């Protein structure tokens, strides 16, 4: 994948059904669940008035050994080796539940780490795995 883009898909499944499916599939794709947050509750704890029909979760996935190896071999990669985030959103304006993921492409990576061919291939490959996993929801 050369271009960075936001992948999104709409489904008729509920936010919780999508989150449950991701939790089941993550291991099959080599990921662990690094974080699973109910963003509506997070916003509320900080005093944000949230629309009553809003549901929003973020699930962050990680391949710990791969991330560790990458960062320990070049510390400049640390800010790039972030958990892969999946957002799951629904409110009164959406027809279904929207699943989205920021796919980091080699275009961006060539710009920020021009001499690091390994990371230019590795991160887009991990993003592709996330999209493949979402395809099974």
N, C-alpha and C. Protein backbone atom coordinates (compact mmCIF):
# COMPACT_ATOMS: atom_id res chain seq x y z
N UNK A 1 0.85 -1.17 0.00
CA UNK A 1 0.00 0.00 0.00
C UNK A 1 0.89 1.23 0.00
N UNK A 2 0.74 2.04 -1.00
CA UNK A 2 1.62 3.20 -1.09
C UNK A 2 0.99 4.46 -0.49
N UNK A 3 -0.29 4.65 -0.66
CA UNK A 3 -0.95 5.86 -0.18
C UNK A 3 -1.53 5.67 1.22
N UNK A 4 -1.37 6.67 2.06
CA UNK A 4 -2.04 6.67 3.35
C UNK A 4 -3.51 7.01 3.11
N UNK A 5 -4.39 6.38 3.85
CA UNK A 5 -5.81 6.66 3.69
C UNK A 5 -6.58 6.17 4.90
N UNK A 6 -7.79 6.67 5.03
CA UNK A 6 -8.69 6.17 6.07
C UNK A 6 -9.58 5.13 5.43
N UNK A 7 -9.46 3.91 5.94
CA UNK A 7 -10.34 2.83 5.50
C UNK A 7 -11.60 2.90 6.35
N UNK A 8 -12.76 2.79 5.75
CA UNK A 8 -13.98 2.72 6.54
C UNK A 8 -14.97 1.79 5.88
N UNK A 9 -15.77 1.23 6.73
CA UNK A 9 -16.79 0.28 6.30
C UNK A 9 -18.00 0.47 7.19
N UNK A 10 -19.18 0.34 6.61
CA UNK A 10 -20.41 0.43 7.40
C UNK A 10 -21.04 -0.95 7.48
N UNK A 11 -21.60 -1.25 8.65
CA UNK A 11 -22.24 -2.54 8.87
C UNK A 11 -23.55 -2.32 9.62
N UNK A 12 -24.44 -3.30 9.53
CA UNK A 12 -25.68 -3.22 10.29
C UNK A 12 -25.52 -3.82 11.69
N UNK A 13 -24.33 -4.34 12.00
CA UNK A 13 -24.07 -4.88 13.35
C UNK A 13 -23.94 -3.71 14.34
N UNK A 14 -24.23 -4.00 15.59
CA UNK A 14 -24.11 -2.98 16.63
C UNK A 14 -22.64 -2.71 16.94
N UNK A 15 -22.39 -1.61 17.61
CA UNK A 15 -21.03 -1.28 18.03
C UNK A 15 -20.46 -2.41 18.88
N UNK A 16 -21.24 -2.92 19.81
CA UNK A 16 -20.75 -3.99 20.69
C UNK A 16 -20.51 -5.28 19.93
N UNK A 17 -21.36 -5.60 18.96
CA UNK A 17 -21.13 -6.80 18.14
C UNK A 17 -19.82 -6.69 17.36
N UNK A 18 -19.54 -5.52 16.81
CA UNK A 18 -18.30 -5.31 16.08
C UNK A 18 -17.11 -5.45 17.03
N UNK A 19 -17.19 -4.80 18.19
CA UNK A 19 -16.10 -4.88 19.17
C UNK A 19 -15.86 -6.33 19.60
N UNK A 20 -16.94 -7.07 19.86
CA UNK A 20 -16.81 -8.48 20.25
C UNK A 20 -16.12 -9.28 19.17
N UNK A 21 -16.48 -9.03 17.93
CA UNK A 21 -15.88 -9.77 16.80
C UNK A 21 -14.40 -9.46 16.67
N UNK A 22 -14.03 -8.20 16.84
CA UNK A 22 -12.61 -7.83 16.80
C UNK A 22 -11.84 -8.55 17.90
N UNK A 23 -12.41 -8.59 19.09
CA UNK A 23 -11.75 -9.28 20.21
C UNK A 23 -11.50 -10.76 19.88
N UNK A 24 -12.43 -11.37 19.18
CA UNK A 24 -12.29 -12.78 18.79
C UNK A 24 -11.25 -12.94 17.68
N UNK A 25 -11.29 -12.08 16.68
CA UNK A 25 -10.43 -12.21 15.51
C UNK A 25 -8.99 -11.76 15.72
N UNK A 26 -8.75 -10.88 16.65
CA UNK A 26 -7.42 -10.27 16.81
C UNK A 26 -6.30 -11.31 16.87
N UNK A 27 -6.45 -12.31 17.69
CA UNK A 27 -5.42 -13.34 17.82
C UNK A 27 -5.16 -14.10 16.54
N UNK A 28 -6.22 -14.34 15.76
CA UNK A 28 -6.07 -15.03 14.47
C UNK A 28 -5.18 -14.26 13.51
N UNK A 29 -5.10 -12.95 13.70
CA UNK A 29 -4.30 -12.09 12.82
C UNK A 29 -2.97 -11.69 13.48
N UNK A 30 -2.66 -12.30 14.62
CA UNK A 30 -1.38 -12.06 15.29
C UNK A 30 -1.35 -10.87 16.23
N UNK A 31 -2.51 -10.28 16.51
CA UNK A 31 -2.58 -9.10 17.36
C UNK A 31 -3.01 -9.45 18.78
N UNK A 32 -2.63 -8.59 19.71
CA UNK A 32 -3.24 -8.58 21.04
C UNK A 32 -4.09 -7.31 21.11
N UNK A 33 -5.03 -7.29 22.02
CA UNK A 33 -5.81 -6.07 22.28
C UNK A 33 -5.00 -5.26 23.28
N UNK A 34 -4.50 -4.14 22.84
CA UNK A 34 -3.67 -3.26 23.69
C UNK A 34 -4.55 -2.36 24.55
N UNK A 35 -5.68 -1.95 23.96
CA UNK A 35 -6.60 -1.06 24.66
C UNK A 35 -7.98 -1.22 24.03
N UNK A 36 -8.99 -1.12 24.86
CA UNK A 36 -10.38 -1.22 24.40
C UNK A 36 -11.16 -0.17 25.19
N UNK A 37 -11.47 0.94 24.57
CA UNK A 37 -12.04 2.06 25.30
C UNK A 37 -13.42 2.45 24.81
N UNK A 38 -14.31 2.68 25.75
CA UNK A 38 -15.61 3.28 25.47
C UNK A 38 -15.39 4.79 25.49
N UNK A 39 -15.28 5.39 24.32
CA UNK A 39 -14.93 6.80 24.23
C UNK A 39 -16.05 7.71 24.74
N UNK A 40 -17.30 7.28 24.67
CA UNK A 40 -18.39 8.07 25.22
C UNK A 40 -18.18 8.25 26.72
N UNK A 41 -17.87 7.15 27.41
CA UNK A 41 -17.62 7.23 28.85
C UNK A 41 -16.37 8.05 29.14
N UNK A 42 -15.35 7.90 28.30
CA UNK A 42 -14.13 8.69 28.46
C UNK A 42 -14.44 10.18 28.35
N UNK A 43 -15.19 10.56 27.34
CA UNK A 43 -15.56 11.97 27.18
C UNK A 43 -16.32 12.47 28.41
N UNK A 44 -17.27 11.67 28.88
CA UNK A 44 -18.09 12.07 30.02
C UNK A 44 -17.24 12.31 31.27
N UNK A 45 -16.21 11.49 31.47
CA UNK A 45 -15.36 11.67 32.66
C UNK A 45 -14.60 12.99 32.62
N UNK A 46 -14.53 13.60 31.45
CA UNK A 46 -13.86 14.89 31.31
C UNK A 46 -14.86 16.04 31.13
N UNK A 47 -16.11 15.78 31.47
CA UNK A 47 -17.12 16.82 31.47
C UNK A 47 -17.74 17.15 30.13
N UNK A 48 -17.50 16.31 29.12
CA UNK A 48 -18.07 16.57 27.81
C UNK A 48 -19.53 16.11 27.80
N UNK A 49 -20.40 16.95 27.27
CA UNK A 49 -21.81 16.57 27.12
C UNK A 49 -21.92 15.84 25.78
N UNK A 50 -22.24 14.58 25.85
CA UNK A 50 -22.27 13.71 24.68
C UNK A 50 -23.71 13.48 24.23
N UNK A 51 -23.92 13.44 22.91
CA UNK A 51 -25.25 13.15 22.38
C UNK A 51 -25.75 11.82 22.97
N UNK A 52 -27.01 11.75 23.35
CA UNK A 52 -27.52 10.54 24.01
C UNK A 52 -27.51 9.30 23.12
N UNK A 53 -27.51 9.47 21.79
CA UNK A 53 -27.56 8.31 20.91
C UNK A 53 -26.17 7.91 20.37
N UNK A 54 -25.13 8.53 20.90
CA UNK A 54 -23.78 8.26 20.40
C UNK A 54 -23.16 7.04 21.07
N UNK A 55 -22.59 6.18 20.21
CA UNK A 55 -21.78 5.05 20.68
C UNK A 55 -20.45 5.14 19.94
N UNK A 56 -19.36 5.03 20.67
CA UNK A 56 -18.04 5.18 20.06
C UNK A 56 -17.01 4.41 20.88
N UNK A 57 -16.39 3.44 20.25
CA UNK A 57 -15.33 2.64 20.88
C UNK A 57 -14.07 2.74 20.05
N UNK A 58 -12.95 2.66 20.71
CA UNK A 58 -11.69 2.49 19.99
C UNK A 58 -11.01 1.25 20.54
N UNK A 59 -10.51 0.45 19.63
CA UNK A 59 -9.76 -0.75 20.01
C UNK A 59 -8.39 -0.63 19.38
N UNK A 60 -7.37 -0.73 20.21
CA UNK A 60 -6.00 -0.64 19.72
C UNK A 60 -5.38 -2.02 19.74
N UNK A 61 -4.81 -2.39 18.61
CA UNK A 61 -4.18 -3.69 18.43
C UNK A 61 -2.66 -3.53 18.38
N UNK A 62 -1.95 -4.57 18.76
CA UNK A 62 -0.49 -4.52 18.77
C UNK A 62 0.07 -5.92 18.53
N UNK A 63 1.22 -5.97 17.91
CA UNK A 63 2.01 -7.20 17.82
C UNK A 63 3.26 -6.92 18.66
N UNK A 64 3.24 -7.26 19.95
CA UNK A 64 4.28 -6.81 20.87
C UNK A 64 5.71 -7.13 20.45
N UNK A 65 5.99 -8.34 20.05
CA UNK A 65 7.36 -8.69 19.69
C UNK A 65 7.84 -7.90 18.49
N UNK A 66 6.97 -7.76 17.50
CA UNK A 66 7.33 -7.00 16.30
C UNK A 66 7.58 -5.53 16.66
N UNK A 67 6.71 -4.95 17.49
CA UNK A 67 6.88 -3.56 17.89
C UNK A 67 8.17 -3.37 18.69
N UNK A 68 8.43 -4.27 19.62
CA UNK A 68 9.65 -4.19 20.42
C UNK A 68 10.89 -4.28 19.54
N UNK A 69 10.92 -5.26 18.65
CA UNK A 69 12.08 -5.43 17.77
C UNK A 69 12.31 -4.19 16.92
N UNK A 70 11.25 -3.63 16.42
CA UNK A 70 11.36 -2.47 15.55
C UNK A 70 11.90 -1.25 16.30
N UNK A 71 11.32 -0.95 17.44
CA UNK A 71 11.74 0.22 18.22
C UNK A 71 13.15 0.04 18.76
N UNK A 72 13.47 -1.16 19.24
CA UNK A 72 14.80 -1.36 19.82
C UNK A 72 15.90 -1.32 18.76
N UNK A 73 15.56 -1.57 17.50
CA UNK A 73 16.57 -1.49 16.45
C UNK A 73 16.75 -0.07 15.92
N UNK A 74 15.75 0.80 16.09
CA UNK A 74 15.86 2.19 15.64
C UNK A 74 14.84 3.02 16.42
N UNK A 75 15.31 3.77 17.39
CA UNK A 75 14.40 4.51 18.27
C UNK A 75 13.59 5.57 17.54
N UNK A 76 14.00 5.97 16.34
CA UNK A 76 13.21 6.94 15.57
C UNK A 76 11.85 6.36 15.19
N UNK A 77 11.76 5.06 15.20
CA UNK A 77 10.50 4.42 14.83
C UNK A 77 9.45 4.47 15.94
N UNK A 78 9.86 4.83 17.14
CA UNK A 78 8.98 4.72 18.31
C UNK A 78 7.63 5.39 18.11
N UNK A 79 7.61 6.57 17.52
CA UNK A 79 6.33 7.26 17.35
C UNK A 79 5.50 6.64 16.23
N UNK A 80 6.12 5.84 15.36
CA UNK A 80 5.40 5.18 14.28
C UNK A 80 4.85 3.83 14.70
N UNK A 81 5.53 3.21 15.65
CA UNK A 81 5.13 1.86 16.06
C UNK A 81 4.05 1.98 17.13
N UNK A 82 2.97 2.60 16.73
CA UNK A 82 1.85 2.80 17.63
C UNK A 82 0.88 1.63 17.48
N UNK A 83 0.07 1.42 18.48
CA UNK A 83 -0.97 0.40 18.28
C UNK A 83 -1.83 0.77 17.08
N UNK A 84 -2.28 -0.23 16.38
CA UNK A 84 -3.17 -0.01 15.25
C UNK A 84 -4.57 0.20 15.80
N UNK A 85 -5.14 1.35 15.54
CA UNK A 85 -6.42 1.72 16.13
C UNK A 85 -7.57 1.47 15.17
N UNK A 86 -8.61 0.87 15.71
CA UNK A 86 -9.88 0.70 14.99
C UNK A 86 -10.92 1.52 15.75
N UNK A 87 -11.63 2.36 15.02
CA UNK A 87 -12.72 3.14 15.61
C UNK A 87 -14.05 2.54 15.18
N UNK A 88 -14.97 2.48 16.12
CA UNK A 88 -16.30 1.92 15.87
C UNK A 88 -17.30 2.98 16.35
N UNK A 89 -18.14 3.47 15.43
CA UNK A 89 -18.96 4.64 15.73
C UNK A 89 -20.38 4.48 15.21
N UNK A 90 -21.31 4.98 16.01
CA UNK A 90 -22.71 5.03 15.58
C UNK A 90 -23.41 6.14 16.36
N UNK A 91 -24.24 6.89 15.65
CA UNK A 91 -25.14 7.84 16.30
C UNK A 91 -26.37 8.00 15.42
N UNK A 92 -27.22 8.92 15.77
CA UNK A 92 -28.47 9.11 15.03
C UNK A 92 -28.28 9.55 13.58
N UNK A 93 -27.10 10.02 13.22
CA UNK A 93 -26.88 10.48 11.85
C UNK A 93 -26.33 9.39 10.94
N UNK A 94 -25.88 8.28 11.51
CA UNK A 94 -25.32 7.20 10.70
C UNK A 94 -26.39 6.14 10.48
N UNK A 95 -26.41 5.56 9.28
CA UNK A 95 -27.38 4.50 9.00
C UNK A 95 -27.00 3.22 9.73
N UNK A 96 -25.71 2.93 9.73
CA UNK A 96 -25.22 1.73 10.39
C UNK A 96 -24.07 2.09 11.31
N UNK A 97 -23.33 1.09 11.70
CA UNK A 97 -22.14 1.28 12.51
C UNK A 97 -20.96 1.46 11.57
N UNK A 98 -20.18 2.50 11.80
CA UNK A 98 -19.03 2.80 10.95
C UNK A 98 -17.76 2.27 11.64
N UNK A 99 -17.00 1.48 10.90
CA UNK A 99 -15.71 0.95 11.36
C UNK A 99 -14.64 1.65 10.54
N UNK A 100 -13.64 2.23 11.21
CA UNK A 100 -12.59 2.92 10.45
C UNK A 100 -11.22 2.63 11.03
N UNK A 101 -10.21 2.79 10.16
CA UNK A 101 -8.82 2.54 10.53
C UNK A 101 -7.92 3.40 9.65
N UNK A 102 -6.96 4.09 10.27
CA UNK A 102 -5.99 4.88 9.51
C UNK A 102 -4.92 3.95 8.98
N UNK A 103 -4.86 3.84 7.66
CA UNK A 103 -3.85 3.00 7.01
C UNK A 103 -2.66 3.89 6.66
N UNK A 104 -1.53 3.61 7.26
CA UNK A 104 -0.32 4.40 7.00
C UNK A 104 0.40 3.77 5.82
N UNK A 105 0.55 4.56 4.78
CA UNK A 105 1.16 4.06 3.55
C UNK A 105 2.65 4.36 3.46
N UNK A 106 3.29 3.71 2.53
CA UNK A 106 4.73 3.91 2.32
C UNK A 106 5.03 5.34 1.89
N UNK A 107 4.06 6.04 1.30
CA UNK A 107 4.27 7.44 0.90
C UNK A 107 4.68 8.28 2.10
N UNK A 108 3.91 8.19 3.17
CA UNK A 108 4.20 8.94 4.39
C UNK A 108 5.51 8.46 5.02
N UNK A 109 5.71 7.17 5.07
CA UNK A 109 6.90 6.62 5.72
C UNK A 109 8.17 6.98 4.97
N UNK A 110 8.10 7.04 3.66
CA UNK A 110 9.27 7.46 2.87
C UNK A 110 9.62 8.92 3.15
N UNK A 111 8.60 9.68 3.48
CA UNK A 111 8.83 11.09 3.79
C UNK A 111 9.48 11.27 5.16
N UNK A 112 9.01 10.52 6.15
CA UNK A 112 9.52 10.73 7.51
C UNK A 112 10.76 9.90 7.83
N UNK A 113 10.90 8.74 7.23
CA UNK A 113 12.09 7.89 7.41
C UNK A 113 12.56 7.39 6.04
N UNK A 114 13.15 8.29 5.25
CA UNK A 114 13.45 7.96 3.85
C UNK A 114 14.43 6.80 3.65
N UNK A 115 15.27 6.52 4.64
CA UNK A 115 16.26 5.46 4.49
C UNK A 115 15.85 4.15 5.15
N UNK A 116 14.64 4.06 5.64
CA UNK A 116 14.21 2.89 6.40
C UNK A 116 13.22 2.06 5.56
N UNK A 117 13.74 1.27 4.66
CA UNK A 117 12.90 0.46 3.78
C UNK A 117 12.09 -0.58 4.54
N UNK A 118 12.66 -1.10 5.63
CA UNK A 118 11.94 -2.13 6.40
C UNK A 118 10.63 -1.58 6.95
N UNK A 119 10.67 -0.41 7.58
CA UNK A 119 9.46 0.15 8.18
C UNK A 119 8.48 0.60 7.08
N UNK A 120 9.00 0.98 5.92
CA UNK A 120 8.15 1.38 4.80
C UNK A 120 7.31 0.20 4.29
N UNK A 121 7.76 -1.01 4.54
CA UNK A 121 7.01 -2.21 4.15
C UNK A 121 6.20 -2.77 5.33
N UNK A 122 6.80 -2.74 6.52
CA UNK A 122 6.22 -3.40 7.69
C UNK A 122 4.93 -2.75 8.17
N UNK A 123 4.93 -1.44 8.31
CA UNK A 123 3.74 -0.76 8.84
C UNK A 123 2.56 -0.87 7.87
N UNK A 124 2.75 -0.62 6.58
CA UNK A 124 1.61 -0.83 5.67
C UNK A 124 1.09 -2.28 5.68
N UNK A 125 2.00 -3.24 5.87
CA UNK A 125 1.57 -4.64 5.93
C UNK A 125 0.71 -4.89 7.16
N UNK A 126 1.08 -4.30 8.29
CA UNK A 126 0.26 -4.45 9.51
C UNK A 126 -1.10 -3.78 9.33
N UNK A 127 -1.11 -2.61 8.69
CA UNK A 127 -2.38 -1.93 8.44
C UNK A 127 -3.27 -2.79 7.53
N UNK A 128 -2.68 -3.43 6.55
CA UNK A 128 -3.42 -4.30 5.63
C UNK A 128 -4.03 -5.47 6.41
N UNK A 129 -3.29 -6.01 7.39
CA UNK A 129 -3.84 -7.09 8.23
C UNK A 129 -5.07 -6.63 9.00
N UNK A 130 -5.03 -5.39 9.48
CA UNK A 130 -6.18 -4.85 10.21
C UNK A 130 -7.39 -4.76 9.27
N UNK A 131 -7.17 -4.26 8.08
CA UNK A 131 -8.26 -4.15 7.10
C UNK A 131 -8.79 -5.53 6.72
N UNK A 132 -7.91 -6.49 6.55
CA UNK A 132 -8.34 -7.86 6.25
C UNK A 132 -9.19 -8.42 7.40
N UNK A 133 -8.79 -8.11 8.62
CA UNK A 133 -9.54 -8.55 9.79
C UNK A 133 -10.93 -7.90 9.80
N UNK A 134 -10.98 -6.61 9.55
CA UNK A 134 -12.27 -5.89 9.51
C UNK A 134 -13.16 -6.52 8.43
N UNK A 135 -12.57 -6.98 7.35
CA UNK A 135 -13.34 -7.63 6.29
C UNK A 135 -14.07 -8.88 6.74
N UNK A 136 -13.65 -9.45 7.86
CA UNK A 136 -14.31 -10.66 8.39
C UNK A 136 -15.37 -10.36 9.44
N UNK A 137 -15.67 -9.09 9.62
CA UNK A 137 -16.68 -8.72 10.63
C UNK A 137 -18.07 -8.77 10.01
